[in-house]
Amino acid sequence: LYRRYGLWFRLRKLIIWLLGVYIAIPFLVKLCPAIQAKLVFLNFVRVPYFIDLKRPQDQGLNHTCNYYLQPEEDVTIGVWHTVPAALWKNARGKDQLWFEDALGSSHPVILYLHGNAGTRGGDHRVELYKVLSSLGYHVVTFDYRGWGDSIGSPSERGMTYDALHVFDWIKARSGDNPVYIWGHSLGTGVATNLVRRLCERETPPDALILESPFTNIREEARSHPFSIYRYFPGFDWFFLDPITTSGIKFANDENVKYISCSLLILHAEDDPVVPFHLGKKLYNIAATSRSFRDYKVQFAPFHTDLGYRHKYIYRSPELPRILR
């Protein structure tokens, strides 16, 4: 009986301690909004580990060049440029100047904006670059300030400005070749911020592709399946308001009302990170927006049985046809 009582006492003590931590975390997040910002960006999570971002060839990208650009003073971002498959042989051993000149070749360009966590060298991202390259696209991607080997502190404004700087850098070298913007997950928020700004200055891209998008960051955080606090009393006040206080909105649902270019939305029904219904809701908002009345808006769903989840749509054999 004494041993059973001792075991129960220790178990009860552990339960009380865990309950205390569970209750304390919302107050900690409320008092320190920077914590919530870090959870949104996850820029401190670098996977895969131990890769040298200066050497994209280590990831099987032998036709890729690594650059460094400087959007602002004290900010440096790492960039990868993968050329189309038709240029693979010519690209081997070439320097940065050759790759920059190659943007003027008669091939379209995709500016890829990745999601949170990881780097431009993430496994699923690298596989997508390979697919797009094989379809005849230049692929230019980069790590936002604070991600990977890029220097600076992350913020929504900073991420958007980095994307604008890279877009202008591409346009200065690509001539009349089409330039498309592709955003994935959190990168869709950067993408719509960017394209809205481009449309407002009357320099829109040729098309916008949103893979696994959400409506806005508050709805995404509220719907996120990993949020163990979403039924916690005062969830919005404790968790969502600090995100807004940190200046993080990623308002895709508002941005699409000011975008004037063709739009393609890709979303898997079994996405465990950004629920499918948010992508569908965003499509419905865009499809009825007056800004898209002269442009094509398309929603491409991928059935649960395909198992593409949040980041494997690149595996779809239908993707080349959809993009065409």
C-alpha atoms as a PDB file:
ATOM      1  CA  LEU A   1       0.000   0.000   0.000  1.00  0.00           C
ATOM      2  CA  TYR A   2       2.864   2.349   0.832  1.00  0.00           C
ATOM      3  CA  ARG A   3       4.491   1.716  -2.555  1.00  0.00           C
ATOM      4  CA  ARG A   4       1.183   2.244  -4.378  1.00  0.00           C
ATOM      5  CA  TYR A   5       0.586   5.460  -2.480  1.00  0.00           C
ATOM      6  CA  GLY A   6       4.095   6.670  -3.335  1.00  0.00           C
ATOM      7  CA  LEU A   7       3.583   5.876  -7.023  1.00  0.00           C
ATOM      8  CA  TRP A   8       0.228   7.670  -7.080  1.00  0.00           C
ATOM      9  CA  PHE A   9       1.753  10.669  -5.294  1.00  0.00           C
ATOM     10  CA  ARG A  10       4.520  10.970  -7.896  1.00  0.00           C
ATOM     11  CA  LEU A  11       2.056  10.531 -10.770  1.00  0.00           C
ATOM     12  CA  ARG A  12      -0.267  13.175  -9.326  1.00  0.00           C
ATOM     13  CA  LYS A  13       2.673  15.535  -8.876  1.00  0.00           C
ATOM     14  CA  LEU A  14       3.673  15.034 -12.542  1.00  0.00           C
ATOM     15  CA  ILE A  15       0.108  15.656 -13.730  1.00  0.00           C
ATOM     16  CA  ILE A  16      -0.129  18.869 -11.703  1.00  0.00           C
ATOM     17  CA  TRP A  17       3.227  20.024 -13.066  1.00  0.00           C
ATOM     18  CA  LEU A  18       2.191  19.328 -16.689  1.00  0.00           C
ATOM     19  CA  LEU A  19      -1.131  21.073 -16.128  1.00  0.00           C
ATOM     20  CA  GLY A  20       0.688  24.067 -14.704  1.00  0.00           C
ATOM     21  CA  VAL A  21       2.957  24.258 -17.761  1.00  0.00           C
ATOM     22  CA  TYR A  22      -0.048  23.893 -20.083  1.00  0.00           C
ATOM     23  CA  ILE A  23      -1.809  26.800 -18.398  1.00  0.00           C
ATOM     24  CA  ALA A  24       1.328  28.953 -18.129  1.00  0.00           C
ATOM     25  CA  ILE A  25       2.248  28.792 -21.829  1.00  0.00           C
ATOM     26  CA  PRO A  26      -0.675  30.970 -23.076  1.00  0.00           C
ATOM     27  CA  PHE A  27       0.245  33.682 -20.564  1.00  0.00           C
ATOM     28  CA  LEU A  28       3.898  33.466 -21.605  1.00  0.00           C
ATOM     29  CA  VAL A  29       2.956  33.851 -25.287  1.00  0.00           C
ATOM     30  CA  LYS A  30       0.704  36.796 -24.473  1.00  0.00           C
ATOM     31  CA  LEU A  31       3.455  38.546 -22.519  1.00  0.00           C
ATOM     32  CA  CYS A  32       6.127  37.804 -25.172  1.00  0.00           C
ATOM     33  CA  PRO A  33       4.590  38.103 -28.695  1.00  0.00           C
ATOM     34  CA  ALA A  34       8.022  37.377 -30.188  1.00  0.00           C
ATOM     35  CA  ILE A  35       7.528  33.741 -29.178  1.00  0.00           C
ATOM     36  CA  GLN A  36       4.454  33.458 -31.369  1.00  0.00           C
ATOM     37  CA  ALA A  37       6.286  35.148 -34.245  1.00  0.00           C
ATOM     38  CA  LYS A  38       9.065  32.547 -34.024  1.00  0.00           C
ATOM     39  CA  LEU A  39       6.462  29.775 -34.096  1.00  0.00           C
ATOM     40  CA  VAL A  40       4.968  31.257 -37.271  1.00  0.00           C
ATOM     41  CA  PHE A  41       8.308  31.613 -39.060  1.00  0.00           C
ATOM     42  CA  LEU A  42      10.172  28.597 -37.602  1.00  0.00           C
ATOM     43  CA  ASN A  43      13.266  30.032 -39.292  1.00  0.00           C
ATOM     44  CA  PHE A  44      15.413  28.526 -36.530  1.00  0.00           C
ATOM     45  CA  VAL A  45      14.478  25.031 -37.757  1.00  0.00           C
ATOM     46  CA  ARG A  46      17.057  24.184 -40.406  1.00  0.00           C
ATOM     47  CA  VAL A  47      16.403  20.894 -42.168  1.00  0.00           C
ATOM     48  CA  PRO A  48      18.077  18.994 -43.659  1.00  0.00           C
ATOM     49  CA  TYR A  49      20.966  19.657 -41.302  1.00  0.00           C
ATOM     50  CA  PHE A  50      24.649  19.847 -42.201  1.00  0.00           C
ATOM     51  CA  ILE A  51      24.230  20.844 -45.862  1.00  0.00           C
ATOM     52  CA  ASP A  52      26.357  23.520 -47.470  1.00  0.00           C
ATOM     53  CA  LEU A  53      23.961  25.967 -49.157  1.00  0.00           C
ATOM     54  CA  LYS A  54      26.853  27.330 -51.183  1.00  0.00           C
ATOM     55  CA  ARG A  55      26.996  23.960 -52.972  1.00  0.00           C
ATOM     56  CA  PRO A  56      23.588  23.146 -54.515  1.00  0.00           C
ATOM     57  CA  GLN A  57      25.301  20.404 -56.531  1.00  0.00           C
ATOM     58  CA  ASP A  58      25.483  18.395 -53.294  1.00  0.00           C
ATOM     59  CA  GLN A  59      21.681  18.156 -53.493  1.00  0.00           C
ATOM     60  CA  GLY A  60      21.780  16.852 -57.055  1.00  0.00           C
ATOM     61  CA  LEU A  61      21.409  20.305 -58.627  1.00  0.00           C
ATOM     62  CA  ASN A  62      24.435  20.267 -60.929  1.00  0.00           C
ATOM     63  CA  HIS A  63      22.813  22.928 -63.123  1.00  0.00           C
ATOM     64  CA  THR A  64      22.317  25.453 -60.298  1.00  0.00           C
ATOM     65  CA  CYS A  65      24.289  28.519 -59.254  1.00  0.00           C
ATOM     66  CA  ASN A  66      24.393  30.043 -55.757  1.00  0.00           C
ATOM     67  CA  TYR A  67      24.244  33.841 -55.503  1.00  0.00           C
ATOM     68  CA  TYR A  68      24.080  36.394 -52.711  1.00  0.00           C
ATOM     69  CA  LEU A  69      21.999  39.552 -53.113  1.00  0.00           C
ATOM     70  CA  GLN A  70      21.614  42.546 -50.809  1.00  0.00           C
ATOM     71  CA  PRO A  71      18.045  43.923 -50.656  1.00  0.00           C
ATOM     72  CA  GLU A  72      18.881  46.392 -47.885  1.00  0.00           C
ATOM     73  CA  GLU A  73      21.850  47.523 -45.855  1.00  0.00           C
ATOM     74  CA  ASP A  74      22.836  44.821 -43.331  1.00  0.00           C
ATOM     75  CA  VAL A  75      20.610  42.278 -45.146  1.00  0.00           C
ATOM     76  CA  THR A  76      22.062  39.564 -47.408  1.00  0.00           C
ATOM     77  CA  ILE A  77      20.028  36.735 -48.905  1.00  0.00           C
ATOM     78  CA  GLY A  78      21.180  33.451 -50.427  1.00  0.00           C
ATOM     79  CA  VAL A  79      19.743  32.655 -53.865  1.00  0.00           C
ATOM     80  CA  TRP A  80      19.712  29.536 -56.055  1.00  0.00           C
ATOM     81  CA  HIS A  81      19.174  29.727 -59.812  1.00  0.00           C
ATOM     82  CA  THR A  82      18.388  26.465 -61.596  1.00  0.00           C
ATOM     83  CA  VAL A  83      18.385  26.621 -65.401  1.00  0.00           C
ATOM     84  CA  PRO A  84      15.977  24.692 -67.692  1.00  0.00           C
ATOM     85  CA  ALA A  85      16.874  21.141 -68.683  1.00  0.00           C
ATOM     86  CA  ALA A  86      17.786  22.284 -72.201  1.00  0.00           C
ATOM     87  CA  LEU A  87      20.679  24.290 -70.729  1.00  0.00           C
ATOM     88  CA  TRP A  88      21.977  21.660 -68.290  1.00  0.00           C
ATOM     89  CA  LYS A  89      25.006  20.608 -70.331  1.00  0.00           C
ATOM     90  CA  ASN A  90      26.034  24.180 -71.085  1.00  0.00           C
ATOM     91  CA  ALA A  91      25.624  25.191 -67.420  1.00  0.00           C
ATOM     92  CA  ARG A  92      28.284  22.873 -66.024  1.00  0.00           C
ATOM     93  CA  GLY A  93      31.307  24.738 -64.791  1.00  0.00           C
ATOM     94  CA  LYS A  94      29.880  28.143 -65.667  1.00  0.00           C
ATOM     95  CA  ASP A  95      30.153  31.170 -63.376  1.00  0.00           C
ATOM     96  CA  GLN A  96      27.485  33.510 -61.989  1.00  0.00           C
ATOM     97  CA  LEU A  97      27.689  35.884 -64.956  1.00  0.00           C
ATOM     98  CA  TRP A  98      26.788  33.072 -67.367  1.00  0.00           C
ATOM     99  CA  PHE A  99      23.777  32.099 -65.249  1.00  0.00           C
ATOM    100  CA  GLU A 100      22.585  35.703 -65.066  1.00  0.00           C
ATOM    101  CA  ASP A 101      22.872  36.057 -68.850  1.00  0.00           C
ATOM    102  CA  ALA A 102      20.977  32.761 -69.252  1.00  0.00           C
ATOM    103  CA  LEU A 103      17.856  34.397 -67.758  1.00  0.00           C
ATOM    104  CA  GLY A 104      17.581  36.244 -71.054  1.00  0.00           C
ATOM    105  CA  SER A 105      17.274  32.980 -73.004  1.00  0.00           C
ATOM    106  CA  SER A 106      13.875  32.104 -74.447  1.00  0.00           C
ATOM    107  CA  HIS A 107      12.607  30.254 -71.358  1.00  0.00           C
ATOM    108  CA  PRO A 108      10.033  31.344 -68.755  1.00  0.00           C
ATOM    109  CA  VAL A 109      11.146  32.009 -65.185  1.00  0.00           C
ATOM    110  CA  ILE A 110       9.538  30.890 -61.913  1.00  0.00           C
ATOM    111  CA  LEU A 111      10.324  32.783 -58.718  1.00  0.00           C
ATOM    112  CA  TYR A 112       9.703  30.227 -55.950  1.00  0.00           C
ATOM    113  CA  LEU A 113       8.851  31.466 -52.430  1.00  0.00           C
ATOM    114  CA  HIS A 114       9.165  28.669 -49.873  1.00  0.00           C
ATOM    115  CA  GLY A 115       7.220  28.187 -46.655  1.00  0.00           C
ATOM    116  CA  ASN A 116       8.322  28.349 -43.032  1.00  0.00           C
ATOM    117  CA  ALA A 117      11.063  26.200 -41.503  1.00  0.00           C
ATOM    118  CA  GLY A 118      13.958  24.698 -43.421  1.00  0.00           C
ATOM    119  CA  THR A 119      15.925  26.377 -46.200  1.00  0.00           C
ATOM    120  CA  ARG A 120      16.009  26.645 -49.972  1.00  0.00           C
ATOM    121  CA  GLY A 121      17.747  23.253 -49.835  1.00  0.00           C
ATOM    122  CA  GLY A 122      14.779  21.387 -48.329  1.00  0.00           C
ATOM    123  CA  ASP A 123      14.229  17.954 -49.894  1.00  0.00           C
ATOM    124  CA  HIS A 124      10.717  18.544 -51.281  1.00  0.00           C
ATOM    125  CA  ARG A 125      11.757  21.979 -52.545  1.00  0.00           C
ATOM    126  CA  VAL A 126      14.754  20.562 -54.405  1.00  0.00           C
ATOM    127  CA  GLU A 127      12.524  17.923 -56.023  1.00  0.00           C
ATOM    128  CA  LEU A 128      10.146  20.637 -57.232  1.00  0.00           C
ATOM    129  CA  TYR A 129      13.028  22.633 -58.733  1.00  0.00           C
ATOM    130  CA  LYS A 130      14.027  19.524 -60.674  1.00  0.00           C
ATOM    131  CA  VAL A 131      10.476  18.996 -61.967  1.00  0.00           C
ATOM    132  CA  LEU A 132      10.077  22.618 -63.044  1.00  0.00           C
ATOM    133  CA  SER A 133      13.522  22.645 -64.655  1.00  0.00           C
ATOM    134  CA  SER A 134      12.657  19.526 -66.629  1.00  0.00           C
ATOM    135  CA  LEU A 135       9.533  21.322 -67.895  1.00  0.00           C
ATOM    136  CA  GLY A 136      11.652  24.137 -69.333  1.00  0.00           C
ATOM    137  CA  TYR A 137      11.580  26.762 -66.581  1.00  0.00           C
ATOM    138  CA  HIS A 138      14.324  28.747 -64.960  1.00  0.00           C
ATOM    139  CA  VAL A 139      13.762  28.422 -61.199  1.00  0.00           C
ATOM    140  CA  VAL A 140      14.998  31.184 -58.922  1.00  0.00           C
ATOM    141  CA  THR A 141      14.541  30.680 -55.192  1.00  0.00           C
ATOM    142  CA  PHE A 142      16.032  32.181 -52.056  1.00  0.00           C
ATOM    143  CA  ASP A 143      16.035  32.133 -48.274  1.00  0.00           C
ATOM    144  CA  TYR A 144      14.360  35.119 -46.672  1.00  0.00           C
ATOM    145  CA  ARG A 145      16.387  37.195 -44.225  1.00  0.00           C
ATOM    146  CA  GLY A 146      16.885  35.086 -41.095  1.00  0.00           C
ATOM    147  CA  TRP A 147      16.523  31.745 -42.928  1.00  0.00           C
ATOM    148  CA  GLY A 148      19.365  29.466 -43.980  1.00  0.00           C
ATOM    149  CA  ASP A 149      22.536  31.444 -44.574  1.00  0.00           C
ATOM    150  CA  SER A 150      20.680  34.715 -45.199  1.00  0.00           C
ATOM    151  CA  ILE A 151      21.477  37.572 -42.837  1.00  0.00           C
ATOM    152  CA  GLY A 152      18.824  39.688 -41.116  1.00  0.00           C
ATOM    153  CA  SER A 153      15.835  39.450 -38.792  1.00  0.00           C
ATOM    154  CA  PRO A 154      12.627  37.876 -40.127  1.00  0.00           C
ATOM    155  CA  SER A 155       9.432  39.898 -40.485  1.00  0.00           C
ATOM    156  CA  GLU A 156       6.533  39.904 -42.916  1.00  0.00           C
ATOM    157  CA  ARG A 157       7.601  43.270 -44.302  1.00  0.00           C
ATOM    158  CA  GLY A 158      11.201  42.094 -44.688  1.00  0.00           C
ATOM    159  CA  MET A 159      10.222  38.837 -46.394  1.00  0.00           C
ATOM    160  CA  THR A 160       8.035  40.717 -48.862  1.00  0.00           C
ATOM    161  CA  TYR A 161      10.773  43.245 -49.608  1.00  0.00           C
ATOM    162  CA  ASP A 162      13.288  40.425 -50.193  1.00  0.00           C
ATOM    163  CA  ALA A 163      10.882  38.867 -52.712  1.00  0.00           C
ATOM    164  CA  LEU A 164      10.381  42.227 -54.441  1.00  0.00           C
ATOM    165  CA  HIS A 165      14.130  42.727 -54.704  1.00  0.00           C
ATOM    166  CA  VAL A 166      14.652  39.291 -56.279  1.00  0.00           C
ATOM    167  CA  PHE A 167      11.724  39.828 -58.682  1.00  0.00           C
ATOM    168  CA  ASP A 168      13.191  43.132 -59.876  1.00  0.00           C
ATOM    169  CA  TRP A 169      16.605  41.480 -60.173  1.00  0.00           C
ATOM    170  CA  ILE A 170      15.074  38.786 -62.411  1.00  0.00           C
ATOM    171  CA  LYS A 171      13.136  41.275 -64.557  1.00  0.00           C
ATOM    172  CA  ALA A 172      16.292  43.305 -65.147  1.00  0.00           C
ATOM    173  CA  ARG A 173      17.871  40.211 -66.764  1.00  0.00           C
ATOM    174  CA  SER A 174      15.012  38.187 -68.264  1.00  0.00           C
ATOM    175  CA  GLY A 175      13.961  40.568 -71.041  1.00  0.00           C
ATOM    176  CA  ASP A 176      10.486  39.780 -72.359  1.00  0.00           C
ATOM    177  CA  ASN A 177      10.427  36.218 -71.000  1.00  0.00           C
ATOM    178  CA  PRO A 178       7.395  35.392 -68.838  1.00  0.00           C
ATOM    179  CA  VAL A 179       7.987  35.523 -65.080  1.00  0.00           C
ATOM    180  CA  TYR A 180       5.684  33.523 -62.798  1.00  0.00           C
ATOM    181  CA  ILE A 181       5.551  33.631 -59.006  1.00  0.00           C
ATOM    182  CA  TRP A 182       5.033  30.392 -57.059  1.00  0.00           C
ATOM    183  CA  GLY A 183       4.376  30.475 -53.327  1.00  0.00           C
ATOM    184  CA  HIS A 184       4.034  27.461 -51.043  1.00  0.00           C
ATOM    185  CA  SER A 185       2.369  27.427 -47.601  1.00  0.00           C
ATOM    186  CA  LEU A 186       3.606  30.493 -45.680  1.00  0.00           C
ATOM    187  CA  GLY A 187       5.241  31.545 -48.945  1.00  0.00           C
ATOM    188  CA  THR A 188       1.752  32.090 -50.399  1.00  0.00           C
ATOM    189  CA  GLY A 189       1.402  34.983 -47.956  1.00  0.00           C
ATOM    190  CA  VAL A 190       4.661  36.468 -49.233  1.00  0.00           C
ATOM    191  CA  ALA A 191       3.563  35.808 -52.821  1.00  0.00           C
ATOM    192  CA  THR A 192       0.225  37.639 -52.572  1.00  0.00           C
ATOM    193  CA  ASN A 193       1.877  40.516 -50.692  1.00  0.00           C
ATOM    194  CA  LEU A 194       4.402  40.765 -53.519  1.00  0.00           C
ATOM    195  CA  VAL A 195       1.950  40.444 -56.408  1.00  0.00           C
ATOM    196  CA  ARG A 196      -0.459  42.948 -54.882  1.00  0.00           C
ATOM    197  CA  ARG A 197       2.402  45.434 -54.695  1.00  0.00           C
ATOM    198  CA  LEU A 198       3.472  44.653 -58.266  1.00  0.00           C
ATOM    199  CA  CYS A 199      -0.072  45.156 -59.551  1.00  0.00           C
ATOM    200  CA  GLU A 200      -0.383  48.432 -57.686  1.00  0.00           C
ATOM    201  CA  ARG A 201       2.733  49.726 -59.442  1.00  0.00           C
ATOM    202  CA  GLU A 202       1.434  48.268 -62.743  1.00  0.00           C
ATOM    203  CA  THR A 203       4.199  45.687 -63.203  1.00  0.00           C
ATOM    204  CA  PRO A 204       2.291  42.432 -62.537  1.00  0.00           C
ATOM    205  CA  PRO A 205       3.868  38.999 -63.090  1.00  0.00           C
ATOM    206  CA  ASP A 206       2.579  36.813 -65.895  1.00  0.00           C
ATOM    207  CA  ALA A 207       0.848  34.477 -63.413  1.00  0.00           C
ATOM    208  CA  LEU A 208       0.627  33.577 -59.735  1.00  0.00           C
ATOM    209  CA  ILE A 209       0.675  29.975 -58.462  1.00  0.00           C
ATOM    210  CA  LEU A 210      -0.335  29.303 -54.846  1.00  0.00           C
ATOM    211  CA  GLU A 211       0.401  25.834 -53.476  1.00  0.00           C
ATOM    212  CA  SER A 212      -1.345  24.862 -50.225  1.00  0.00           C
ATOM    213  CA  PRO A 213      -2.519  28.413 -49.455  1.00  0.00           C
ATOM    214  CA  PHE A 214      -4.547  29.753 -46.517  1.00  0.00           C
ATOM    215  CA  THR A 215      -6.842  32.761 -46.278  1.00  0.00           C
ATOM    216  CA  ASN A 216      -4.951  34.676 -43.593  1.00  0.00           C
ATOM    217  CA  ILE A 217      -2.577  33.785 -40.779  1.00  0.00           C
ATOM    218  CA  ARG A 218      -5.232  34.035 -38.048  1.00  0.00           C
ATOM    219  CA  GLU A 219      -7.532  31.526 -39.749  1.00  0.00           C
ATOM    220  CA  GLU A 220      -4.581  29.248 -40.482  1.00  0.00           C
ATOM    221  CA  ALA A 221      -3.441  29.337 -36.835  1.00  0.00           C
ATOM    222  CA  ARG A 222      -6.995  28.698 -35.665  1.00  0.00           C
ATOM    223  CA  SER A 223      -7.414  25.771 -38.071  1.00  0.00           C
ATOM    224  CA  HIS A 224      -3.950  24.275 -37.682  1.00  0.00           C
ATOM    225  CA  PRO A 225      -4.360  20.631 -36.613  1.00  0.00           C
ATOM    226  CA  PHE A 226      -1.262  20.841 -34.403  1.00  0.00           C
ATOM    227  CA  SER A 227      -2.715  23.649 -32.293  1.00  0.00           C
ATOM    228  CA  ILE A 228      -3.469  21.971 -28.969  1.00  0.00           C
ATOM    229  CA  TYR A 229      -4.872  25.232 -27.605  1.00  0.00           C
ATOM    230  CA  ARG A 230      -7.532  26.047 -30.177  1.00  0.00           C
ATOM    231  CA  TYR A 231     -10.309  25.055 -27.729  1.00  0.00           C
ATOM    232  CA  PHE A 232      -8.581  26.875 -24.863  1.00  0.00           C
ATOM    233  CA  PRO A 233     -10.749  29.700 -23.406  1.00  0.00           C
ATOM    234  CA  GLY A 234      -9.567  33.004 -24.869  1.00  0.00           C
ATOM    235  CA  PHE A 235      -7.571  31.336 -27.662  1.00  0.00           C
ATOM    236  CA  ASP A 236      -7.778  34.411 -29.915  1.00  0.00           C
ATOM    237  CA  TRP A 237      -6.661  36.772 -27.152  1.00  0.00           C
ATOM    238  CA  PHE A 238      -3.806  34.559 -25.977  1.00  0.00           C
ATOM    239  CA  PHE A 239      -2.468  33.289 -29.306  1.00  0.00           C
ATOM    240  CA  LEU A 240      -3.862  35.136 -32.330  1.00  0.00           C
ATOM    241  CA  ASP A 241      -3.698  38.698 -31.072  1.00  0.00           C
ATOM    242  CA  PRO A 242       0.062  38.405 -30.345  1.00  0.00           C
ATOM    243  CA  ILE A 243       0.579  37.407 -33.998  1.00  0.00           C
ATOM    244  CA  THR A 244      -1.187  40.572 -35.116  1.00  0.00           C
ATOM    245  CA  THR A 245       0.748  42.594 -32.527  1.00  0.00           C
ATOM    246  CA  SER A 246       3.952  41.315 -34.128  1.00  0.00           C
ATOM    247  CA  GLY A 247       2.835  42.771 -37.459  1.00  0.00           C
ATOM    248  CA  ILE A 248       2.113  39.384 -39.039  1.00  0.00           C
ATOM    249  CA  LYS A 249      -1.033  39.181 -41.188  1.00  0.00           C
ATOM    250  CA  PHE A 250      -0.293  37.399 -44.487  1.00  0.00           C
ATOM    251  CA  ALA A 251      -3.776  38.378 -45.623  1.00  0.00           C
ATOM    252  CA  ASN A 252      -4.167  36.345 -48.801  1.00  0.00           C
ATOM    253  CA  ASP A 253      -7.937  36.858 -48.728  1.00  0.00           C
ATOM    254  CA  GLU A 254      -7.504  40.650 -48.835  1.00  0.00           C
ATOM    255  CA  ASN A 255      -4.595  40.657 -51.263  1.00  0.00           C
ATOM    256  CA  VAL A 256      -6.377  38.677 -53.976  1.00  0.00           C
ATOM    257  CA  LYS A 257      -8.926  41.491 -54.254  1.00  0.00           C
ATOM    258  CA  TYR A 258      -6.151  43.719 -55.629  1.00  0.00           C
ATOM    259  CA  ILE A 259      -4.367  41.247 -57.909  1.00  0.00           C
ATOM    260  CA  SER A 260      -4.726  41.377 -61.680  1.00  0.00           C
ATOM    261  CA  CYS A 261      -3.044  38.373 -63.292  1.00  0.00           C
ATOM    262  CA  SER A 262      -3.845  34.713 -63.918  1.00  0.00           C
ATOM    263  CA  LEU A 263      -4.101  32.649 -60.739  1.00  0.00           C
ATOM    264  CA  LEU A 264      -3.644  28.913 -60.153  1.00  0.00           C
ATOM    265  CA  ILE A 265      -4.294  27.336 -56.746  1.00  0.00           C
ATOM    266  CA  LEU A 266      -2.996  23.830 -55.975  1.00  0.00           C
ATOM    267  CA  HIS A 267      -4.152  22.017 -52.827  1.00  0.00           C
ATOM    268  CA  ALA A 268      -4.212  18.423 -51.610  1.00  0.00           C
ATOM    269  CA  GLU A 269      -7.339  17.267 -49.810  1.00  0.00           C
ATOM    270  CA  ASP A 270      -5.250  15.425 -47.206  1.00  0.00           C
ATOM    271  CA  ASP A 271      -3.066  18.425 -46.323  1.00  0.00           C
ATOM    272  CA  PRO A 272      -2.436  18.093 -42.548  1.00  0.00           C
ATOM    273  CA  VAL A 273      -0.856  21.539 -42.144  1.00  0.00           C
ATOM    274  CA  VAL A 274      -3.032  23.971 -44.110  1.00  0.00           C
ATOM    275  CA  PRO A 275      -6.569  22.546 -44.238  1.00  0.00           C
ATOM    276  CA  PHE A 276      -7.976  22.046 -47.717  1.00  0.00           C
ATOM    277  CA  HIS A 277     -11.060  24.131 -46.953  1.00  0.00           C
ATOM    278  CA  LEU A 278      -8.910  27.258 -46.532  1.00  0.00           C
ATOM    279  CA  GLY A 279      -7.485  26.892 -50.034  1.00  0.00           C
ATOM    280  CA  LYS A 280     -10.971  26.369 -51.423  1.00  0.00           C
ATOM    281  CA  LYS A 281     -12.255  29.410 -49.519  1.00  0.00           C
ATOM    282  CA  LEU A 282      -9.448  31.542 -50.944  1.00  0.00           C
ATOM    283  CA  TYR A 283     -10.321  30.350 -54.452  1.00  0.00           C
ATOM    284  CA  ASN A 284     -13.963  31.317 -53.966  1.00  0.00           C
ATOM    285  CA  ILE A 285     -12.926  34.801 -52.845  1.00  0.00           C
ATOM    286  CA  ALA A 286     -10.600  35.234 -55.825  1.00  0.00           C
ATOM    287  CA  ALA A 287     -13.051  33.801 -58.374  1.00  0.00           C
ATOM    288  CA  THR A 288     -15.685  36.399 -57.445  1.00  0.00           C
ATOM    289  CA  SER A 289     -13.254  39.319 -57.187  1.00  0.00           C
ATOM    290  CA  ARG A 290     -13.591  42.065 -59.784  1.00  0.00           C
ATOM    291  CA  SER A 291      -9.811  42.302 -60.079  1.00  0.00           C
ATOM    292  CA  PHE A 292      -9.746  38.866 -61.780  1.00  0.00           C
ATOM    293  CA  ARG A 293     -12.588  39.502 -64.230  1.00  0.00           C
ATOM    294  CA  ASP A 294     -10.202  39.577 -67.214  1.00  0.00           C
ATOM    295  CA  TYR A 295      -7.957  36.741 -66.004  1.00  0.00           C
ATOM    296  CA  LYS A 296      -8.202  32.996 -65.559  1.00  0.00           C
ATOM    297  CA  VAL A 297      -8.595  31.693 -62.002  1.00  0.00           C
ATOM    298  CA  GLN A 298      -8.209  27.934 -61.575  1.00  0.00           C
ATOM    299  CA  PHE A 299      -8.374  25.593 -58.570  1.00  0.00           C
ATOM    300  CA  ALA A 300      -6.654  22.203 -58.885  1.00  0.00           C
ATOM    301  CA  PRO A 301      -7.508  19.792 -56.046  1.00  0.00           C
ATOM    302  CA  PHE A 302      -5.639  16.537 -55.440  1.00  0.00           C
ATOM    303  CA  HIS A 303      -7.603  13.632 -53.991  1.00  0.00           C
ATOM    304  CA  THR A 304      -6.757  12.216 -50.569  1.00  0.00           C
ATOM    305  CA  ASP A 305      -5.935   8.806 -52.080  1.00  0.00           C
ATOM    306  CA  LEU A 306      -2.925  10.330 -53.872  1.00  0.00           C
ATOM    307  CA  GLY A 307      -1.214  11.048 -50.555  1.00  0.00           C
ATOM    308  CA  TYR A 308       0.364  14.369 -51.584  1.00  0.00           C
ATOM    309  CA  ARG A 309      -0.418  15.969 -48.219  1.00  0.00           C
ATOM    310  CA  HIS A 310       1.272  19.346 -47.628  1.00  0.00           C
ATOM    311  CA  LYS A 311       4.414  19.225 -49.753  1.00  0.00           C
ATOM    312  CA  TYR A 312       4.361  16.429 -52.311  1.00  0.00           C
ATOM    313  CA  ILE A 313       2.193  17.854 -55.105  1.00  0.00           C
ATOM    314  CA  TYR A 314       5.348  17.926 -57.250  1.00  0.00           C
ATOM    315  CA  ARG A 315       4.910  14.140 -57.578  1.00  0.00           C
ATOM    316  CA  SER A 316       1.696  14.521 -59.546  1.00  0.00           C
ATOM    317  CA  PRO A 317       1.960  13.309 -63.174  1.00  0.00           C
ATOM    318  CA  GLU A 318      -0.837  15.807 -63.916  1.00  0.00           C
ATOM    319  CA  LEU A 319       1.241  18.810 -62.826  1.00  0.00           C
ATOM    320  CA  PRO A 320       2.826  19.502 -66.270  1.00  0.00           C
ATOM    321  CA  ARG A 321      -0.612  19.550 -67.911  1.00  0.00           C
ATOM    322  CA  ILE A 322      -2.061  21.781 -65.187  1.00  0.00           C
ATOM    323  CA  LEU A 323       0.797  24.265 -65.550  1.00  0.00           C
ATOM    324  CA  ARG A 324       0.475  24.365 -69.308  1.00  0.00           C
END
